[in-house]
Structure formats: structure tokens, C-alpha cells
């Protein structure tokens, strides 16, 4: 789950931006977030 990375929205945004900047994808198995897919990459756009 995403909250395993961080509990606050601001922390999750910073972490997601760091992943994106380093071309690292993110998958949350419980929440069906998967930025390896074209649909899942919307998560990075929102963050």
C-alpha cells in the first residue's frame, strides 16, 4: 500500500517525484497503482 512509503500526502508527492526524476516506476499491489502501464502513469502526472 502507498502508506507504507509515507503517511502524509506531501511526503508521497515528494517520493513520487523523486521516483519519476530517476525513472523508477511505482507499484502498489493493493491500490492497483502501476506506473509501468500507460494508465498507471497518470499517477505521476497527478503527483
ModelCIF file with pLDDT and N, C-alpha, C, O atoms, coordinates in Angstrom:
data_MODEL
#
_entry.id   MODEL 
#
_entity.id                         1 
_entity.type                       polymer 
_entity.pdbx_number_of_molecules   1 
#
_entity_poly.entity_id                      1 
_entity_poly.type                           'polypeptide(L)' 
_entity_poly.nstd_linkage                   no 
_entity_poly.nstd_monomer                   no 
_entity_poly.pdbx_seq_one_letter_code       
;(UNK)(UNK)(UNK)(UNK)(UNK)(UNK)(UNK)(UNK)(UNK)(UNK)(UNK)(UNK)(UNK)(UNK)(UNK)(UNK)
(UNK)(UNK)(UNK)(UNK)(UNK)(UNK)(UNK)(UNK)(UNK)(UNK)(UNK)(UNK)(UNK)(UNK)(UNK)(UNK)
(UNK)(UNK)(UNK)(UNK)(UNK)(UNK)(UNK)(UNK)(UNK)(UNK)(UNK)(UNK)(UNK)(UNK)(UNK)
;
_entity_poly.pdbx_seq_one_letter_code_can   XXXXXXXXXXXXXXXXXXXXXXXXXXXXXXXXXXXXXXXXXXXXXXX 
_entity_poly.pdbx_strand_id                 A 
#
loop_
_entity_poly_seq.entity_id 
_entity_poly_seq.num 
_entity_poly_seq.mon_id 
_entity_poly_seq.hetero 
1 1  UNK n 
1 2  UNK n 
1 3  UNK n 
1 4  UNK n 
1 5  UNK n 
1 6  UNK n 
1 7  UNK n 
1 8  UNK n 
1 9  UNK n 
1 10 UNK n 
1 11 UNK n 
1 12 UNK n 
1 13 UNK n 
1 14 UNK n 
1 15 UNK n 
1 16 UNK n 
1 17 UNK n 
1 18 UNK n 
1 19 UNK n 
1 20 UNK n 
1 21 UNK n 
1 22 UNK n 
1 23 UNK n 
1 24 UNK n 
1 25 UNK n 
1 26 UNK n 
1 27 UNK n 
1 28 UNK n 
1 29 UNK n 
1 30 UNK n 
1 31 UNK n 
1 32 UNK n 
1 33 UNK n 
1 34 UNK n 
1 35 UNK n 
1 36 UNK n 
1 37 UNK n 
1 38 UNK n 
1 39 UNK n 
1 40 UNK n 
1 41 UNK n 
1 42 UNK n 
1 43 UNK n 
1 44 UNK n 
1 45 UNK n 
1 46 UNK n 
1 47 UNK n 
#
_struct_asym.id          A 
_struct_asym.entity_id   1 
#
loop_
_ma_qa_metric.id 
_ma_qa_metric.mode 
_ma_qa_metric.name 
_ma_qa_metric.software_group_id 
_ma_qa_metric.type 
1 global pLDDT . pLDDT 
2 local  pLDDT . pLDDT 
#
_ma_qa_metric_global.metric_id      1 
_ma_qa_metric_global.metric_value   79.36 
_ma_qa_metric_global.model_id       1 
_ma_qa_metric_global.ordinal_id     1 
#
loop_
_ma_qa_metric_local.label_asym_id 
_ma_qa_metric_local.label_comp_id 
_ma_qa_metric_local.label_seq_id 
_ma_qa_metric_local.metric_id 
_ma_qa_metric_local.metric_value 
_ma_qa_metric_local.model_id 
_ma_qa_metric_local.ordinal_id 
A UNK 1  2 88.00 1 1  
A UNK 2  2 84.00 1 2  
A UNK 3  2 84.00 1 3  
A UNK 4  2 90.00 1 4  
A UNK 5  2 87.00 1 5  
A UNK 6  2 80.00 1 6  
A UNK 7  2 75.00 1 7  
A UNK 8  2 74.00 1 8  
A UNK 9  2 72.00 1 9  
A UNK 10 2 74.00 1 10 
A UNK 11 2 79.00 1 11 
A UNK 12 2 79.00 1 12 
A UNK 13 2 78.00 1 13 
A UNK 14 2 82.00 1 14 
A UNK 15 2 85.00 1 15 
A UNK 16 2 82.00 1 16 
A UNK 17 2 82.00 1 17 
A UNK 18 2 88.00 1 18 
A UNK 19 2 88.00 1 19 
A UNK 20 2 83.00 1 20 
A UNK 21 2 85.00 1 21 
A UNK 22 2 89.00 1 22 
A UNK 23 2 89.00 1 23 
A UNK 24 2 91.00 1 24 
A UNK 25 2 90.00 1 25 
A UNK 26 2 89.00 1 26 
A UNK 27 2 90.00 1 27 
A UNK 28 2 89.00 1 28 
A UNK 29 2 90.00 1 29 
A UNK 30 2 87.00 1 30 
A UNK 31 2 80.00 1 31 
A UNK 32 2 79.00 1 32 
A UNK 33 2 83.00 1 33 
A UNK 34 2 85.00 1 34 
A UNK 35 2 83.00 1 35 
A UNK 36 2 78.00 1 36 
A UNK 37 2 77.00 1 37 
A UNK 38 2 71.00 1 38 
A UNK 39 2 69.00 1 39 
A UNK 40 2 68.00 1 40 
A UNK 41 2 66.00 1 41 
A UNK 42 2 64.00 1 42 
A UNK 43 2 64.00 1 43 
A UNK 44 2 57.00 1 44 
A UNK 45 2 60.00 1 45 
A UNK 46 2 64.00 1 46 
A UNK 47 2 59.00 1 47 
#
loop_
_atom_site.group_PDB 
_atom_site.id 
_atom_site.type_symbol 
_atom_site.label_atom_id 
_atom_site.label_alt_id 
_atom_site.label_comp_id 
_atom_site.label_asym_id 
_atom_site.label_entity_id 
_atom_site.label_seq_id 
_atom_site.pdbx_PDB_ins_code 
_atom_site.Cartn_x 
_atom_site.Cartn_y 
_atom_site.Cartn_z 
_atom_site.occupancy 
_atom_site.B_iso_or_equiv 
_atom_site.pdbx_formal_charge 
_atom_site.auth_seq_id 
_atom_site.auth_comp_id 
_atom_site.auth_asym_id 
_atom_site.auth_atom_id 
_atom_site.pdbx_PDB_model_num 
ATOM 1   N N  . UNK A 1 1  ? 0.854  -1.188 0.000   1.00 88.00 ? 1  UNK A N  1 
ATOM 2   C CA . UNK A 1 1  ? 0.000  0.000  0.000   1.00 88.00 ? 1  UNK A CA 1 
ATOM 3   C C  . UNK A 1 1  ? 0.892  1.240  0.000   1.00 88.00 ? 1  UNK A C  1 
ATOM 4   O O  . UNK A 1 1  ? 2.015  1.200  0.503   1.00 88.00 ? 1  UNK A O  1 
ATOM 5   N N  . UNK A 1 2  ? 0.391  2.345  -0.565  1.00 84.00 ? 2  UNK A N  1 
ATOM 6   C CA . UNK A 1 2  ? 1.184  3.560  -0.653  1.00 84.00 ? 2  UNK A CA 1 
ATOM 7   C C  . UNK A 1 2  ? 1.600  4.099  0.710   1.00 84.00 ? 2  UNK A C  1 
ATOM 8   O O  . UNK A 1 2  ? 2.683  4.669  0.846   1.00 84.00 ? 2  UNK A O  1 
ATOM 9   N N  . UNK A 1 3  ? 0.747  3.925  1.723   1.00 84.00 ? 3  UNK A N  1 
ATOM 10  C CA . UNK A 1 3  ? 1.092  4.490  3.030   1.00 84.00 ? 3  UNK A CA 1 
ATOM 11  C C  . UNK A 1 3  ? 2.253  3.761  3.689   1.00 84.00 ? 3  UNK A C  1 
ATOM 12  O O  . UNK A 1 3  ? 2.731  4.179  4.744   1.00 84.00 ? 3  UNK A O  1 
ATOM 13  N N  . UNK A 1 4  ? 2.717  2.661  3.067   1.00 90.00 ? 4  UNK A N  1 
ATOM 14  C CA . UNK A 1 4  ? 3.947  2.026  3.567   1.00 90.00 ? 4  UNK A CA 1 
ATOM 15  C C  . UNK A 1 4  ? 5.148  2.922  3.286   1.00 90.00 ? 4  UNK A C  1 
ATOM 16  O O  . UNK A 1 4  ? 6.129  2.899  4.030   1.00 90.00 ? 4  UNK A O  1 
ATOM 17  N N  . UNK A 1 5  ? 5.074  3.720  2.206   1.00 87.00 ? 5  UNK A N  1 
ATOM 18  C CA . UNK A 1 5  ? 6.155  4.653  1.871   1.00 87.00 ? 5  UNK A CA 1 
ATOM 19  C C  . UNK A 1 5  ? 6.125  5.883  2.770   1.00 87.00 ? 5  UNK A C  1 
ATOM 20  O O  . UNK A 1 5  ? 7.167  6.337  3.240   1.00 87.00 ? 5  UNK A O  1 
ATOM 21  N N  . UNK A 1 6  ? 4.940  6.418  3.006   1.00 80.00 ? 6  UNK A N  1 
ATOM 22  C CA . UNK A 1 6  ? 4.800  7.611  3.837   1.00 80.00 ? 6  UNK A CA 1 
ATOM 23  C C  . UNK A 1 6  ? 3.346  7.861  4.145   1.00 80.00 ? 6  UNK A C  1 
ATOM 24  O O  . UNK A 1 6  ? 2.467  7.511  3.357   1.00 80.00 ? 6  UNK A O  1 
ATOM 25  N N  . UNK A 1 7  ? 3.085  8.474  5.302   1.00 75.00 ? 7  UNK A N  1 
ATOM 26  C CA . UNK A 1 7  ? 1.707  8.655  5.733   1.00 75.00 ? 7  UNK A CA 1 
ATOM 27  C C  . UNK A 1 7  ? 1.098  9.974  5.278   1.00 75.00 ? 7  UNK A C  1 
ATOM 28  O O  . UNK A 1 7  ? -0.125 10.091 5.203   1.00 75.00 ? 7  UNK A O  1 
ATOM 29  N N  . UNK A 1 8  ? 1.936  10.983 4.970   1.00 74.00 ? 8  UNK A N  1 
ATOM 30  C CA . UNK A 1 8  ? 1.399  12.298 4.590   1.00 74.00 ? 8  UNK A CA 1 
ATOM 31  C C  . UNK A 1 8  ? 1.400  12.449 3.072   1.00 74.00 ? 8  UNK A C  1 
ATOM 32  O O  . UNK A 1 8  ? 2.239  11.876 2.377   1.00 74.00 ? 8  UNK A O  1 
ATOM 33  N N  . UNK A 1 9  ? 0.447  13.230 2.573   1.00 72.00 ? 9  UNK A N  1 
ATOM 34  C CA . UNK A 1 9  ? 0.344  13.466 1.135   1.00 72.00 ? 9  UNK A CA 1 
ATOM 35  C C  . UNK A 1 9  ? 1.592  14.152 0.605   1.00 72.00 ? 9  UNK A C  1 
ATOM 36  O O  . UNK A 1 9  ? 2.083  13.810 -0.471  1.00 72.00 ? 9  UNK A O  1 
ATOM 37  N N  . UNK A 1 10 ? 2.111  15.127 1.363   1.00 74.00 ? 10 UNK A N  1 
ATOM 38  C CA . UNK A 1 10 ? 3.292  15.857 0.903   1.00 74.00 ? 10 UNK A CA 1 
ATOM 39  C C  . UNK A 1 10 ? 4.492  14.922 0.766   1.00 74.00 ? 10 UNK A C  1 
ATOM 40  O O  . UNK A 1 10 ? 5.275  15.051 -0.175  1.00 74.00 ? 10 UNK A O  1 
ATOM 41  N N  . UNK A 1 11 ? 4.641  13.981 1.703   1.00 79.00 ? 11 UNK A N  1 
ATOM 42  C CA . UNK A 1 11 ? 5.742  13.016 1.612   1.00 79.00 ? 11 UNK A CA 1 
ATOM 43  C C  . UNK A 1 11 ? 5.576  12.132 0.375   1.00 79.00 ? 11 UNK A C  1 
ATOM 44  O O  . UNK A 1 11 ? 6.537  11.894 -0.356  1.00 79.00 ? 11 UNK A O  1 
ATOM 45  N N  . UNK A 1 12 ? 4.356  11.649 0.145   1.00 79.00 ? 12 UNK A N  1 
ATOM 46  C CA . UNK A 1 12 ? 4.116  10.780 -1.009  1.00 79.00 ? 12 UNK A CA 1 
ATOM 47  C C  . UNK A 1 12 ? 4.377  11.505 -2.324  1.00 79.00 ? 12 UNK A C  1 
ATOM 48  O O  . UNK A 1 12 ? 4.900  10.919 -3.272  1.00 79.00 ? 12 UNK A O  1 
ATOM 49  N N  . UNK A 1 13 ? 4.009  12.784 -2.373  1.00 78.00 ? 13 UNK A N  1 
ATOM 50  C CA . UNK A 1 13 ? 4.253  13.574 -3.586  1.00 78.00 ? 13 UNK A CA 1 
ATOM 51  C C  . UNK A 1 13 ? 5.744  13.710 -3.838  1.00 78.00 ? 13 UNK A C  1 
ATOM 52  O O  . UNK A 1 13 ? 6.208  13.531 -4.964  1.00 78.00 ? 13 UNK A O  1 
ATOM 53  N N  . UNK A 1 14 ? 6.501  14.029 -2.783  1.00 82.00 ? 14 UNK A N  1 
ATOM 54  C CA . UNK A 1 14 ? 7.950  14.180 -2.943  1.00 82.00 ? 14 UNK A CA 1 
ATOM 55  C C  . UNK A 1 14 ? 8.602  12.860 -3.356  1.00 82.00 ? 14 UNK A C  1 
ATOM 56  O O  . UNK A 1 14 ? 9.489  12.838 -4.209  1.00 82.00 ? 14 UNK A O  1 
ATOM 57  N N  . UNK A 1 15 ? 8.155  11.765 -2.746  1.00 85.00 ? 15 UNK A N  1 
ATOM 58  C CA . UNK A 1 15 ? 8.709  10.454 -3.087  1.00 85.00 ? 15 UNK A CA 1 
ATOM 59  C C  . UNK A 1 15 ? 8.387  10.095 -4.541  1.00 85.00 ? 15 UNK A C  1 
ATOM 60  O O  . UNK A 1 15 ? 9.251  9.616  -5.275  1.00 85.00 ? 15 UNK A O  1 
ATOM 61  N N  . UNK A 1 16 ? 7.140  10.332 -4.948  1.00 82.00 ? 16 UNK A N  1 
ATOM 62  C CA . UNK A 1 16 ? 6.729  10.032 -6.326  1.00 82.00 ? 16 UNK A CA 1 
ATOM 63  C C  . UNK A 1 16 ? 7.522  10.860 -7.322  1.00 82.00 ? 16 UNK A C  1 
ATOM 64  O O  . UNK A 1 16 ? 7.921  10.355 -8.372  1.00 82.00 ? 16 UNK A O  1 
ATOM 65  N N  . UNK A 1 17 ? 7.755  12.129 -7.003  1.00 82.00 ? 17 UNK A N  1 
ATOM 66  C CA . UNK A 1 17 ? 8.542  12.995 -7.880  1.00 82.00 ? 17 UNK A CA 1 
ATOM 67  C C  . UNK A 1 17 ? 9.990  12.507 -7.971  1.00 82.00 ? 17 UNK A C  1 
ATOM 68  O O  . UNK A 1 17 ? 10.610 12.560 -9.033  1.00 82.00 ? 17 UNK A O  1 
ATOM 69  N N  . UNK A 1 18 ? 10.514 12.034 -6.844  1.00 88.00 ? 18 UNK A N  1 
ATOM 70  C CA . UNK A 1 18 ? 11.891 11.510 -6.852  1.00 88.00 ? 18 UNK A CA 1 
ATOM 71  C C  . UNK A 1 18 ? 11.971 10.276 -7.738  1.00 88.00 ? 18 UNK A C  1 
ATOM 72  O O  . UNK A 1 18 ? 12.904 10.134 -8.529  1.00 88.00 ? 18 UNK A O  1 
ATOM 73  N N  . UNK A 1 19 ? 10.995 9.384  -7.607  1.00 88.00 ? 19 UNK A N  1 
ATOM 74  C CA . UNK A 1 19 ? 10.964 8.181  -8.446  1.00 88.00 ? 19 UNK A CA 1 
ATOM 75  C C  . UNK A 1 19 ? 10.901 8.568  -9.928  1.00 88.00 ? 19 UNK A C  1 
ATOM 76  O O  . UNK A 1 19 ? 11.634 8.029  -10.756 1.00 88.00 ? 19 UNK A O  1 
ATOM 77  N N  . UNK A 1 20 ? 10.025 9.498  -10.237 1.00 83.00 ? 20 UNK A N  1 
ATOM 78  C CA . UNK A 1 20 ? 9.842  9.910  -11.632 1.00 83.00 ? 20 UNK A CA 1 
ATOM 79  C C  . UNK A 1 20 ? 11.127 10.509 -12.185 1.00 83.00 ? 20 UNK A C  1 
ATOM 80  O O  . UNK A 1 20 ? 11.523 10.201 -13.310 1.00 83.00 ? 20 UNK A O  1 
ATOM 81  N N  . UNK A 1 21 ? 11.785 11.369 -11.398 1.00 85.00 ? 21 UNK A N  1 
ATOM 82  C CA . UNK A 1 21 ? 13.020 12.014 -11.841 1.00 85.00 ? 21 UNK A CA 1 
ATOM 83  C C  . UNK A 1 21 ? 14.127 11.001 -12.102 1.00 85.00 ? 21 UNK A C  1 
ATOM 84  O O  . UNK A 1 21 ? 14.993 11.227 -12.947 1.00 85.00 ? 21 UNK A O  1 
ATOM 85  N N  . UNK A 1 22 ? 14.101 9.885  -11.377 1.00 89.00 ? 22 UNK A N  1 
ATOM 86  C CA . UNK A 1 22 ? 15.123 8.848  -11.536 1.00 89.00 ? 22 UNK A CA 1 
ATOM 87  C C  . UNK A 1 22 ? 14.636 7.682  -12.400 1.00 89.00 ? 22 UNK A C  1 
ATOM 88  O O  . UNK A 1 22 ? 15.267 6.627  -12.450 1.00 89.00 ? 22 UNK A O  1 
ATOM 89  N N  . UNK A 1 23 ? 13.503 7.890  -13.078 1.00 89.00 ? 23 UNK A N  1 
ATOM 90  C CA . UNK A 1 23 ? 12.933 6.892  -13.996 1.00 89.00 ? 23 UNK A CA 1 
ATOM 91  C C  . UNK A 1 23 ? 12.676 5.553  -13.297 1.00 89.00 ? 23 UNK A C  1 
ATOM 92  O O  . UNK A 1 23 ? 12.959 4.480  -13.829 1.00 89.00 ? 23 UNK A O  1 
ATOM 93  N N  . UNK A 1 24 ? 12.130 5.661  -12.090 1.00 91.00 ? 24 UNK A N  1 
ATOM 94  C CA . UNK A 1 24 ? 11.762 4.482  -11.307 1.00 91.00 ? 24 UNK A CA 1 
ATOM 95  C C  . UNK A 1 24 ? 10.244 4.381  -11.270 1.00 91.00 ? 24 UNK A C  1 
ATOM 96  O O  . UNK A 1 24 ? 9.568  5.336  -10.889 1.00 91.00 ? 24 UNK A O  1 
ATOM 97  N N  . UNK A 1 25 ? 9.711  3.247  -11.658 1.00 90.00 ? 25 UNK A N  1 
ATOM 98  C CA . UNK A 1 25 ? 8.266  3.060  -11.609 1.00 90.00 ? 25 UNK A CA 1 
ATOM 99  C C  . UNK A 1 25 ? 7.823  2.646  -10.208 1.00 90.00 ? 25 UNK A C  1 
ATOM 100 O O  . UNK A 1 25 ? 8.626  2.199  -9.389  1.00 90.00 ? 25 UNK A O  1 
ATOM 101 N N  . UNK A 1 26 ? 6.528  2.806  -9.957  1.00 89.00 ? 26 UNK A N  1 
ATOM 102 C CA . UNK A 1 26 ? 5.960  2.515  -8.641  1.00 89.00 ? 26 UNK A CA 1 
ATOM 103 C C  . UNK A 1 26 ? 4.720  1.646  -8.795  1.00 89.00 ? 26 UNK A C  1 
ATOM 104 O O  . UNK A 1 26 ? 3.844  1.916  -9.617  1.00 89.00 ? 26 UNK A O  1 
ATOM 105 N N  . UNK A 1 27 ? 4.669  0.592  -7.978  1.00 90.00 ? 27 UNK A N  1 
ATOM 106 C CA . UNK A 1 27 ? 3.511  -0.303 -7.982  1.00 90.00 ? 27 UNK A CA 1 
ATOM 107 C C  . UNK A 1 27 ? 2.995  -0.451 -6.562  1.00 90.00 ? 27 UNK A C  1 
ATOM 108 O O  . UNK A 1 27 ? 3.764  -0.721 -5.639  1.00 90.00 ? 27 UNK A O  1 
ATOM 109 N N  . UNK A 1 28 ? 1.677  -0.270 -6.387  1.00 89.00 ? 28 UNK A N  1 
ATOM 110 C CA . UNK A 1 28 ? 1.014  -0.567 -5.126  1.00 89.00 ? 28 UNK A CA 1 
ATOM 111 C C  . UNK A 1 28 ? 0.031  -1.695 -5.404  1.00 89.00 ? 28 UNK A C  1 
ATOM 112 O O  . UNK A 1 28 ? -0.971 -1.490 -6.090  1.00 89.00 ? 28 UNK A O  1 
ATOM 113 N N  . UNK A 1 29 ? 0.306  -2.874 -4.881  1.00 90.00 ? 29 UNK A N  1 
ATOM 114 C CA . UNK A 1 29 ? -0.492 -4.044 -5.235  1.00 90.00 ? 29 UNK A CA 1 
ATOM 115 C C  . UNK A 1 29 ? -1.926 -3.941 -4.739  1.00 90.00 ? 29 UNK A C  1 
ATOM 116 O O  . UNK A 1 29 ? -2.842 -4.412 -5.413  1.00 90.00 ? 29 UNK A O  1 
ATOM 117 N N  . UNK A 1 30 ? -2.141 -3.339 -3.583  1.00 87.00 ? 30 UNK A N  1 
ATOM 118 C CA . UNK A 1 30 ? -3.472 -3.273 -3.001  1.00 87.00 ? 30 UNK A CA 1 
ATOM 119 C C  . UNK A 1 30 ? -4.343 -2.224 -3.676  1.00 87.00 ? 30 UNK A C  1 
ATOM 120 O O  . UNK A 1 30 ? -5.553 -2.409 -3.810  1.00 87.00 ? 30 UNK A O  1 
ATOM 121 N N  . UNK A 1 31 ? -3.722 -1.110 -4.108  1.00 80.00 ? 31 UNK A N  1 
ATOM 122 C CA . UNK A 1 31 ? -4.489 0.015  -4.663  1.00 80.00 ? 31 UNK A CA 1 
ATOM 123 C C  . UNK A 1 31 ? -4.490 0.046  -6.181  1.00 80.00 ? 31 UNK A C  1 
ATOM 124 O O  . UNK A 1 31 ? -5.008 0.984  -6.786  1.00 80.00 ? 31 UNK A O  1 
ATOM 125 N N  . UNK A 1 32 ? -3.911 -0.980 -6.800  1.00 79.00 ? 32 UNK A N  1 
ATOM 126 C CA . UNK A 1 32 ? -3.885 -1.102 -8.268  1.00 79.00 ? 32 UNK A CA 1 
ATOM 127 C C  . UNK A 1 32 ? -3.245 0.103  -8.937  1.00 79.00 ? 32 UNK A C  1 
ATOM 128 O O  . UNK A 1 32 ? -3.677 0.519  -10.012 1.00 79.00 ? 32 UNK A O  1 
ATOM 129 N N  . UNK A 1 33 ? -2.227 0.662  -8.316  1.00 83.00 ? 33 UNK A N  1 
ATOM 130 C CA . UNK A 1 33 ? -1.428 1.725  -8.926  1.00 83.00 ? 33 UNK A CA 1 
ATOM 131 C C  . UNK A 1 33 ? -0.205 1.069  -9.535  1.00 83.00 ? 33 UNK A C  1 
ATOM 132 O O  . UNK A 1 33 ? 0.545  0.381  -8.842  1.00 83.00 ? 33 UNK A O  1 
ATOM 133 N N  . UNK A 1 34 ? -0.002 1.277  -10.827 1.00 85.00 ? 34 UNK A N  1 
ATOM 134 C CA . UNK A 1 34 ? 1.099  0.627  -11.528 1.00 85.00 ? 34 UNK A CA 1 
ATOM 135 C C  . UNK A 1 34 ? 1.587  1.552  -12.643 1.00 85.00 ? 34 UNK A C  1 
ATOM 136 O O  . UNK A 1 34 ? 0.999  1.594  -13.724 1.00 85.00 ? 34 UNK A O  1 
ATOM 137 N N  . UNK A 1 35 ? 2.658  2.288  -12.375 1.00 83.00 ? 35 UNK A N  1 
ATOM 138 C CA . UNK A 1 35 ? 3.132  3.273  -13.352 1.00 83.00 ? 35 UNK A CA 1 
ATOM 139 C C  . UNK A 1 35 ? 3.936  2.641  -14.479 1.00 83.00 ? 35 UNK A C  1 
ATOM 140 O O  . UNK A 1 35 ? 4.467  3.355  -15.329 1.00 83.00 ? 35 UNK A O  1 
ATOM 141 N N  . UNK A 1 36 ? 4.035  1.302  -14.501 1.00 78.00 ? 36 UNK A N  1 
ATOM 142 C CA . UNK A 1 36 ? 4.632  0.650  -15.662 1.00 78.00 ? 36 UNK A CA 1 
ATOM 143 C C  . UNK A 1 36 ? 3.631  0.590  -16.811 1.00 78.00 ? 36 UNK A C  1 
ATOM 144 O O  . UNK A 1 36 ? 4.000  0.249  -17.934 1.00 78.00 ? 36 UNK A O  1 
ATOM 145 N N  . UNK A 1 37 ? 2.369  0.917  -16.541 1.00 77.00 ? 37 UNK A N  1 
ATOM 146 C CA . UNK A 1 37 ? 1.336  0.928  -17.577 1.00 77.00 ? 37 UNK A CA 1 
ATOM 147 C C  . UNK A 1 37 ? 1.008  2.364  -17.962 1.00 77.00 ? 37 UNK A C  1 
ATOM 148 O O  . UNK A 1 37 ? 1.236  3.288  -17.182 1.00 77.00 ? 37 UNK A O  1 
ATOM 149 N N  . UNK A 1 38 ? 0.477  2.548  -19.158 1.00 71.00 ? 38 UNK A N  1 
ATOM 150 C CA . UNK A 1 38 ? 0.127  3.893  -19.625 1.00 71.00 ? 38 UNK A CA 1 
ATOM 151 C C  . UNK A 1 38 ? -0.941 4.514  -18.736 1.00 71.00 ? 38 UNK A C  1 
ATOM 152 O O  . UNK A 1 38 ? -0.894 5.713  -18.462 1.00 71.00 ? 38 UNK A O  1 
ATOM 153 N N  . UNK A 1 39 ? -1.899 3.721  -18.283 1.00 69.00 ? 39 UNK A N  1 
ATOM 154 C CA . UNK A 1 39 ? -2.938 4.228  -17.386 1.00 69.00 ? 39 UNK A CA 1 
ATOM 155 C C  . UNK A 1 39 ? -2.361 4.592  -16.032 1.00 69.00 ? 39 UNK A C  1 
ATOM 156 O O  . UNK A 1 39 ? -2.690 5.632  -15.462 1.00 69.00 ? 39 UNK A O  1 
ATOM 157 N N  . UNK A 1 40 ? -1.495 3.724  -15.523 1.00 68.00 ? 40 UNK A N  1 
ATOM 158 C CA . UNK A 1 40 ? -0.906 3.971  -14.209 1.00 68.00 ? 40 UNK A CA 1 
ATOM 159 C C  . UNK A 1 40 ? -0.008 5.185  -14.165 1.00 68.00 ? 40 UNK A C  1 
ATOM 160 O O  . UNK A 1 40 ? 0.165  5.784  -13.104 1.00 68.00 ? 40 UNK A O  1 
ATOM 161 N N  . UNK A 1 41 ? 0.570  5.566  -15.302 1.00 66.00 ? 41 UNK A N  1 
ATOM 162 C CA . UNK A 1 41 ? 1.458  6.728  -15.316 1.00 66.00 ? 41 UNK A CA 1 
ATOM 163 C C  . UNK A 1 41 ? 0.716  8.019  -15.029 1.00 66.00 ? 41 UNK A C  1 
ATOM 164 O O  . UNK A 1 41 ? 1.334  9.048  -14.757 1.00 66.00 ? 41 UNK A O  1 
ATOM 165 N N  . UNK A 1 42 ? -0.616 7.967  -15.088 1.00 64.00 ? 42 UNK A N  1 
ATOM 166 C CA . UNK A 1 42 ? -1.414 9.130  -14.710 1.00 64.00 ? 42 UNK A CA 1 
ATOM 167 C C  . UNK A 1 42 ? -1.114 9.530  -13.264 1.00 64.00 ? 42 UNK A C  1 
ATOM 168 O O  . UNK A 1 42 ? -1.196 10.705 -12.908 1.00 64.00 ? 42 UNK A O  1 
ATOM 169 N N  . UNK A 1 43 ? -0.767 8.546  -12.439 1.00 64.00 ? 43 UNK A N  1 
ATOM 170 C CA . UNK A 1 43 ? -0.425 8.830  -11.043 1.00 64.00 ? 43 UNK A CA 1 
ATOM 171 C C  . UNK A 1 43 ? 0.732  9.818  -10.957 1.00 64.00 ? 43 UNK A C  1 
ATOM 172 O O  . UNK A 1 43 ? 0.699  10.748 -10.151 1.00 64.00 ? 43 UNK A O  1 
ATOM 173 N N  . UNK A 1 44 ? 1.761  9.618  -11.792 1.00 57.00 ? 44 UNK A N  1 
ATOM 174 C CA . UNK A 1 44 ? 2.904  10.520 -11.789 1.00 57.00 ? 44 UNK A CA 1 
ATOM 175 C C  . UNK A 1 44 ? 2.505  11.912 -12.277 1.00 57.00 ? 44 UNK A C  1 
ATOM 176 O O  . UNK A 1 44 ? 3.015  12.915 -11.776 1.00 57.00 ? 44 UNK A O  1 
ATOM 177 N N  . UNK A 1 45 ? 1.595  11.978 -13.253 1.00 60.00 ? 45 UNK A N  1 
ATOM 178 C CA . UNK A 1 45 ? 1.152  13.276 -13.758 1.00 60.00 ? 45 UNK A CA 1 
ATOM 179 C C  . UNK A 1 45 ? 0.407  14.049 -12.671 1.00 60.00 ? 45 UNK A C  1 
ATOM 180 O O  . UNK A 1 45 ? 0.584  15.258 -12.525 1.00 60.00 ? 45 UNK A O  1 
ATOM 181 N N  . UNK A 1 46 ? -0.422 13.343 -11.916 1.00 64.00 ? 46 UNK A N  1 
ATOM 182 C CA . UNK A 1 46 ? -1.182 13.993 -10.840 1.00 64.00 ? 46 UNK A CA 1 
ATOM 183 C C  . UNK A 1 46 ? -0.239 14.461 -9.736  1.00 64.00 ? 46 UNK A C  1 
ATOM 184 O O  . UNK A 1 46 ? -0.348 15.593 -9.263  1.00 64.00 ? 46 UNK A O  1 
ATOM 185 N N  . UNK A 1 47 ? 0.683  13.595 -9.327  1.00 59.00 ? 47 UNK A N  1 
ATOM 186 C CA . UNK A 1 47 ? 1.630  13.991 -8.282  1.00 59.00 ? 47 UNK A CA 1 
ATOM 187 C C  . UNK A 1 47 ? 2.504  15.132 -8.765  1.00 59.00 ? 47 UNK A C  1 
ATOM 188 O O  . UNK A 1 47 ? 3.367  15.605 -8.025  1.00 59.00 ? 47 UNK A O  1 
#
